[in-house]
Amino acid sequence: MDEQQEREIRARIDALLSEHRDLDDMIARVSERAPFDQLQMQRMKKRKLAIKDQIARLETMLIDDIIA
């Protein structure tokens, strides 16, 4: 992996972390309002988990490159 690819992966991780934080804030705001849309909450939480998985995969790519 060259430096350009590593920068792109790090930029993608930063974007995903930002989206993850935004979803966290949205979930907190929605849960404060009663009643809230349970389906919307479930979708946001599912998306948040998917983002967490993507971040983990990208970080693994960076770690594998460092070890090699």
Protein backbone atom coordinates (compact mmCIF):
# COMPACT_ATOMS: atom_id res chain seq x y z
CA MET A 1 0.00 0.00 0.00
CA ASP A 2 1.41 3.35 -0.96
CA GLU A 3 1.09 6.63 0.91
CA GLN A 4 -1.77 7.85 -1.29
CA GLN A 5 -3.86 4.76 -0.53
CA GLU A 6 -3.10 5.09 3.17
CA ARG A 7 -4.19 8.76 3.13
CA GLU A 8 -7.41 7.79 1.34
CA ILE A 9 -8.15 5.09 3.91
CA ARG A 10 -7.46 7.49 6.78
CA ALA A 11 -9.72 10.11 5.17
CA ARG A 12 -12.48 7.52 4.80
CA ILE A 13 -12.06 6.52 8.46
CA ASP A 14 -12.34 10.18 9.50
CA ALA A 15 -15.52 10.60 7.43
CA LEU A 16 -17.02 7.45 8.93
CA LEU A 17 -16.13 8.54 12.47
CA SER A 18 -17.87 11.84 11.84
CA GLU A 19 -20.97 10.08 10.51
CA HIS A 20 -20.90 7.73 13.52
CA ARG A 21 -20.81 10.71 15.92
CA ASP A 22 -23.63 12.41 14.02
CA LEU A 23 -25.77 9.29 14.25
CA ASP A 24 -25.03 9.05 17.95
CA ASP A 25 -26.26 12.62 18.41
CA MET A 26 -29.36 11.98 16.30
CA ILE A 27 -30.20 8.84 18.28
CA ALA A 28 -29.87 10.77 21.54
CA ARG A 29 -32.13 13.57 20.27
CA VAL A 30 -34.77 11.20 18.91
CA SER A 31 -34.84 9.13 22.10
CA GLU A 32 -35.46 12.28 24.17
CA ARG A 33 -38.70 12.96 22.33
CA ALA A 34 -41.62 10.81 23.31
CA PRO A 35 -43.09 9.08 21.48
CA PHE A 36 -40.36 8.37 18.97
CA ASP A 37 -40.35 6.31 15.80
CA GLN A 38 -39.01 2.90 16.83
CA LEU A 39 -38.33 1.91 13.21
CA GLN A 40 -36.29 5.06 12.60
CA MET A 41 -34.33 4.42 15.80
CA GLN A 42 -33.65 0.83 14.78
CA ARG A 43 -32.42 1.91 11.33
CA MET A 44 -30.08 4.51 12.81
CA LYS A 45 -28.62 2.00 15.26
CA LYS A 46 -28.17 -0.55 12.49
CA ARG A 47 -26.40 2.04 10.33
CA LYS A 48 -24.20 3.00 13.28
CA LEU A 49 -23.13 -0.63 13.73
CA ALA A 50 -22.40 -0.97 10.01
CA ILE A 51 -20.21 2.14 10.16
CA LYS A 52 -18.37 0.72 13.16
CA ASP A 53 -17.68 -2.47 11.18
CA GLN A 54 -16.42 -0.48 8.19
CA ILE A 55 -14.08 1.50 10.44
CA ALA A 56 -12.72 -1.71 11.97
CA ARG A 57 -12.08 -3.20 8.50
CA LEU A 58 -10.28 -0.09 7.30
CA GLU A 59 -8.18 0.10 10.46
CA THR A 60 -7.24 -3.56 9.99
CA MET A 61 -6.03 -2.74 6.49
CA LEU A 62 -3.73 -0.09 7.93
CA ILE A 63 -2.46 -2.35 10.71
CA ASP A 64 -1.74 -5.22 8.30
CA ASP A 65 0.33 -2.86 6.18
CA ILE A 66 2.37 -1.68 9.18
CA ILE A 67 3.16 -5.26 10.27
CA ALA A 68 4.19 -6.34 6.78
